[in-house]
Amino acid sequence: MTRTPLISGNWKMHHNHFEAIQTVQKLHYLVDKETTESVDVSIHPPFTDLRSIQTLIDADDLPFALGAQHCHWEDKGAFTGEVSPVFLAKLDVKYVIVGHSERRELFGETDEMVAAKVSAIQKHGMTPIVCVGETLDEREAGDTEDKVLGQIDTAVAGRAKAQIASLVIAYEPIWAIGTGKTATSDDAQTVCHSIRERIRHLTDAATADAVRIQYGGSVKAANIAELMAQPDIDGALVGGASLDPDEFAKIIAYQG
């Protein structure tokens, strides 16, 4: 089955809305039309930039999807500082990152919280990018699959096959986030294949084949082609490199 690659830029807590506009404009200048016809691109700026980038994408008909980095699982309520999925949907957000390692490690998000957010995001017609991954200690102890597949099990539990098929799953080993270290393409493929096989076991072959699986963790122009050549890697969740439009454009154009 052919799956359209998805390259996502997670800007984390970088770029005010002026910088964000300039970055997206330059990125559009650097990425040719033929590339965006075969690769989906989502941009995930900070919340304060979303309206500015939405307006820019709409006004100039840019070939990028707007993404968010996080949301709450409730539509509304007394949750100071949180953002409702309803608000994101109204801004025409297409993808929402869920359970990023920094959210899990720094802010205590549990697998159950991640699952609740997945439900809320899908309820409002957006696509979750569900992040899974292991720490260095877990990797060295040989617990990578137990950790990652456990996260998968909770994220997809109780969902219809169509809901699971529409998910994007991002394997992002925690030890590779912002460290300059990257899983070898073979190691990344091994885990991504295990994720697909787990979904196949929980559902069926058609559902597993439909799920797009990204790799995230110090992705750069220098390693994207090798990663994307793997059969179970369908895209990349790009952190620091996506802040530089020149570098991010090269990542998006990995096929060239």
Protein backbone atom coordinates (compact mmCIF):
# COMPACT_ATOMS: atom_id res chain seq x y z
CA MET A 1 0.00 0.00 0.00
CA THR A 2 1.26 3.48 -0.91
CA ARG A 3 1.15 5.96 1.96
CA THR A 4 1.70 9.66 1.31
CA PRO A 5 4.71 10.77 3.39
CA LEU A 6 4.09 13.36 6.10
CA ILE A 7 6.89 15.71 7.12
CA SER A 8 5.98 17.72 10.25
CA GLY A 9 7.88 20.66 11.70
CA ASN A 10 7.54 20.99 15.48
CA TRP A 11 8.74 24.46 16.43
CA LYS A 12 8.28 23.86 20.16
CA MET A 13 8.66 27.16 22.08
CA HIS A 14 10.40 29.06 19.29
CA HIS A 15 9.40 31.88 16.90
CA ASN A 16 7.05 34.72 17.75
CA HIS A 17 4.32 35.33 15.18
CA PHE A 18 6.44 37.76 13.14
CA GLU A 19 9.28 35.24 12.92
CA ALA A 20 6.80 32.48 12.15
CA ILE A 21 5.34 34.36 9.20
CA GLN A 22 8.80 35.05 7.77
CA THR A 23 9.82 31.41 8.19
CA VAL A 24 6.74 30.04 6.42
CA GLN A 25 7.03 32.56 3.59
CA LYS A 26 10.66 31.61 3.00
CA LEU A 27 9.86 27.91 3.24
CA HIS A 28 7.20 28.29 0.57
CA TYR A 29 9.70 30.05 -1.67
CA LEU A 30 12.19 27.19 -1.24
CA VAL A 31 9.85 24.20 -1.70
CA ASP A 32 8.71 23.58 -5.27
CA LYS A 33 5.18 22.62 -6.23
CA GLU A 34 6.14 19.17 -7.49
CA THR A 35 7.51 18.24 -4.08
CA THR A 36 4.36 19.22 -2.19
CA GLU A 37 2.25 17.21 -4.63
CA SER A 38 3.87 14.01 -3.37
CA VAL A 39 4.67 14.90 0.27
CA ASP A 40 2.31 16.27 2.93
CA VAL A 41 3.82 19.00 5.11
CA SER A 42 2.48 20.17 8.46
CA ILE A 43 3.80 23.09 10.50
CA HIS A 44 3.31 23.16 14.28
CA PRO A 45 4.14 26.62 15.68
CA PRO A 46 3.46 27.88 19.21
CA PHE A 47 -0.16 28.64 20.05
CA THR A 48 0.35 32.42 19.77
CA ASP A 49 1.37 31.97 16.10
CA LEU A 50 -1.53 29.78 14.97
CA ARG A 51 -3.90 32.52 13.82
CA SER A 52 -1.15 34.33 11.93
CA ILE A 53 -0.02 31.18 10.13
CA GLN A 54 -3.60 30.11 9.41
CA THR A 55 -4.28 33.49 7.78
CA LEU A 56 -1.08 33.26 5.74
CA ILE A 57 -1.81 29.71 4.53
CA ASP A 58 -5.36 30.64 3.55
CA ALA A 59 -4.55 33.99 1.93
CA ASP A 60 -1.65 32.70 -0.17
CA ASP A 61 -3.05 29.18 -0.69
CA LEU A 62 0.15 27.64 0.66
CA PRO A 63 0.58 23.85 0.34
CA PHE A 64 1.12 23.37 4.08
CA ALA A 65 -1.21 22.02 6.77
CA LEU A 66 -1.50 23.88 10.04
CA GLY A 67 -0.65 21.84 13.11
CA ALA A 68 -0.72 22.32 16.88
CA GLN A 69 1.68 20.96 19.48
CA HIS A 70 -0.80 20.00 22.20
CA CYS A 71 -4.36 20.37 23.44
CA HIS A 72 -6.61 19.45 26.36
CA TRP A 73 -9.03 16.55 26.19
CA GLU A 74 -12.04 18.59 27.29
CA ASP A 75 -13.90 21.00 25.03
CA LYS A 76 -14.15 23.66 27.76
CA GLY A 77 -13.80 24.13 31.48
CA ALA A 78 -11.73 25.51 34.35
CA PHE A 79 -8.35 24.53 32.92
CA THR A 80 -6.26 27.69 33.12
CA GLY A 81 -3.52 27.79 30.51
CA GLU A 82 -4.87 24.89 28.48
CA VAL A 83 -6.19 24.98 24.90
CA SER A 84 -9.44 23.37 23.78
CA PRO A 85 -9.54 21.13 20.70
CA VAL A 86 -12.62 23.12 19.70
CA PHE A 87 -10.49 26.25 19.40
CA LEU A 88 -7.95 24.44 17.24
CA ALA A 89 -10.58 23.04 14.91
CA LYS A 90 -12.01 26.55 14.43
CA LEU A 91 -8.54 27.65 13.28
CA ASP A 92 -8.55 24.89 10.64
CA VAL A 93 -5.79 22.98 12.41
CA LYS A 94 -5.33 19.63 10.64
CA TYR A 95 -2.82 17.80 12.87
CA VAL A 96 -2.24 17.87 16.62
CA ILE A 97 0.85 16.37 18.27
CA VAL A 98 -0.12 14.19 21.23
CA GLY A 99 2.13 12.76 23.93
CA HIS A 100 5.37 14.31 22.74
CA SER A 101 8.23 13.08 24.91
CA GLU A 102 8.68 16.54 26.40
CA ARG A 103 5.02 16.60 27.41
CA ARG A 104 5.34 13.15 28.94
CA GLU A 105 8.70 13.67 30.63
CA LEU A 106 8.45 17.31 31.73
CA PHE A 107 4.73 17.71 32.33
CA GLY A 108 3.72 14.25 33.49
CA GLU A 109 1.35 13.29 30.70
CA THR A 110 0.30 9.67 31.12
CA ASP A 111 -0.71 7.14 28.49
CA GLU A 112 -4.30 7.57 29.66
CA MET A 113 -4.16 11.35 29.19
CA VAL A 114 -2.75 10.85 25.72
CA ALA A 115 -5.58 8.46 24.85
CA ALA A 116 -8.16 10.99 26.04
CA LYS A 117 -6.58 13.66 23.85
CA VAL A 118 -6.62 11.36 20.83
CA SER A 119 -10.37 10.93 21.30
CA ALA A 120 -10.92 14.68 21.60
CA ILE A 121 -8.84 15.49 18.53
CA GLN A 122 -10.60 12.93 16.36
CA LYS A 123 -13.99 14.04 17.68
CA HIS A 124 -13.35 17.46 16.17
CA GLY A 125 -12.15 16.21 12.80
CA MET A 126 -8.41 16.63 13.28
CA THR A 127 -5.65 14.04 13.02
CA PRO A 128 -3.55 13.12 16.06
CA ILE A 129 0.19 12.60 15.68
CA VAL A 130 0.69 10.16 18.55
CA CYS A 131 4.25 10.20 19.86
CA VAL A 132 5.80 7.10 21.41
CA GLY A 133 9.35 6.36 22.48
CA GLU A 134 11.76 5.09 25.08
CA THR A 135 14.41 6.62 27.33
CA LEU A 136 18.10 5.76 27.08
CA ASP A 137 17.87 3.62 30.22
CA GLU A 138 14.94 1.69 28.77
CA ARG A 139 16.77 1.22 25.50
CA GLU A 140 19.93 -0.06 27.18
CA ALA A 141 17.83 -2.44 29.31
CA GLY A 142 16.27 -3.93 26.18
CA ASP A 143 12.82 -2.55 27.04
CA THR A 144 12.21 -0.50 23.89
CA GLU A 145 9.44 -2.67 22.48
CA ASP A 146 7.67 -3.11 25.81
CA LYS A 147 7.60 0.65 26.37
CA VAL A 148 6.63 1.65 22.84
CA LEU A 149 4.04 -1.04 22.24
CA GLY A 150 2.49 -0.41 25.65
CA GLN A 151 2.02 3.22 24.64
CA ILE A 152 0.45 2.07 21.37
CA ASP A 153 -1.93 -0.31 23.13
CA THR A 154 -3.34 2.43 25.36
CA ALA A 155 -3.58 4.98 22.54
CA VAL A 156 -5.66 2.74 20.26
CA ALA A 157 -7.71 0.81 22.85
CA GLY A 158 -11.44 0.85 22.15
CA ARG A 159 -11.18 2.65 18.81
CA ALA A 160 -12.84 1.63 15.57
CA LYS A 161 -10.57 0.43 12.78
CA ALA A 162 -11.26 3.57 10.75
CA GLN A 163 -10.16 5.75 13.66
CA ILE A 164 -6.95 3.78 14.05
CA ALA A 165 -6.25 3.80 10.31
CA SER A 166 -6.38 7.60 10.25
CA LEU A 167 -3.78 8.03 13.00
CA VAL A 168 -0.24 9.24 12.50
CA ILE A 169 2.19 7.61 14.92
CA ALA A 170 5.59 9.20 15.55
CA TYR A 171 8.34 7.01 16.96
CA GLU A 172 10.66 9.45 18.69
CA PRO A 173 13.24 7.81 20.95
CA ILE A 174 13.60 10.17 23.90
CA TRP A 175 17.37 9.72 23.94
CA ALA A 176 17.55 11.19 20.41
CA ILE A 177 15.48 14.33 21.00
CA GLY A 178 17.71 17.38 20.65
CA THR A 179 20.86 15.41 21.41
CA GLY A 180 22.23 15.17 17.89
CA LYS A 181 21.98 11.39 18.23
CA THR A 182 19.78 9.56 15.77
CA ALA A 183 18.65 5.97 15.69
CA THR A 184 20.22 4.20 12.73
CA SER A 185 17.78 3.76 9.89
CA ASP A 186 17.77 0.02 10.55
CA ASP A 187 17.01 0.51 14.26
CA ALA A 188 14.26 3.02 13.47
CA GLN A 189 12.79 0.64 10.91
CA THR A 190 12.81 -2.22 13.41
CA VAL A 191 10.72 -0.25 15.93
CA CYS A 192 8.40 1.22 13.28
CA HIS A 193 7.83 -2.26 11.88
CA SER A 194 6.99 -3.52 15.37
CA ILE A 195 4.46 -0.71 15.73
CA ARG A 196 2.80 -1.65 12.45
CA GLU A 197 2.76 -5.33 13.39
CA ARG A 198 1.19 -4.51 16.73
CA ILE A 199 -1.60 -2.60 15.02
CA ARG A 200 -2.02 -5.48 12.58
CA HIS A 201 -2.38 -7.85 15.52
CA LEU A 202 -4.92 -5.57 17.23
CA THR A 203 -6.94 -4.89 14.06
CA ASP A 204 -6.17 -6.23 10.60
CA ALA A 205 -3.69 -5.87 7.74
CA ALA A 206 -5.61 -3.11 5.93
CA THR A 207 -5.75 -0.94 9.05
CA ALA A 208 -2.07 -1.44 9.84
CA ASP A 209 -1.09 -0.67 6.27
CA ALA A 210 -3.05 2.59 6.34
CA VAL A 211 -1.38 4.05 9.45
CA ARG A 212 1.40 6.52 8.72
CA ILE A 213 4.43 6.15 10.98
CA GLN A 214 6.94 8.97 11.36
CA TYR A 215 10.41 8.91 12.86
CA GLY A 216 11.47 11.80 15.08
CA GLY A 217 14.78 12.49 16.79
CA SER A 218 17.49 14.77 15.41
CA VAL A 219 16.21 14.45 11.83
CA LYS A 220 18.29 16.50 9.40
CA ALA A 221 18.74 16.91 5.66
CA ALA A 222 21.79 14.66 5.96
CA ASN A 223 19.86 11.64 7.27
CA ILE A 224 16.28 12.05 6.00
CA ALA A 225 16.70 10.12 2.72
CA GLU A 226 18.15 7.08 4.48
CA LEU A 227 15.35 7.09 7.04
CA MET A 228 12.63 7.54 4.44
CA ALA A 229 13.99 4.63 2.38
CA GLN A 230 12.80 2.25 5.10
CA PRO A 231 9.51 0.49 4.27
CA ASP A 232 7.71 1.31 7.53
CA ILE A 233 8.84 4.93 7.90
CA ASP A 234 6.32 7.22 6.23
CA GLY A 235 7.56 10.61 7.35
CA ALA A 236 9.41 12.59 9.95
CA LEU A 237 8.60 14.68 13.01
CA VAL A 238 11.30 17.33 12.77
CA GLY A 239 12.31 19.52 15.70
CA GLY A 240 15.20 21.98 15.62
CA ALA A 241 15.93 21.53 11.92
CA SER A 242 12.43 22.73 11.02
CA LEU A 243 13.19 26.18 12.47
CA ASP A 244 15.62 26.83 9.61
CA PRO A 245 13.63 27.12 6.36
CA ASP A 246 16.67 26.21 4.24
CA GLU A 247 17.28 23.00 6.18
CA PHE A 248 13.60 22.14 6.47
CA ALA A 249 13.08 22.63 2.74
CA LYS A 250 15.86 20.12 2.05
CA ILE A 251 14.23 17.64 4.41
CA ILE A 252 10.86 18.06 2.68
CA ALA A 253 12.56 17.55 -0.70
CA TYR A 254 14.34 14.38 0.43
CA GLN A 255 13.32 12.57 -2.75
CA GLY A 256 15.36 14.99 -4.83
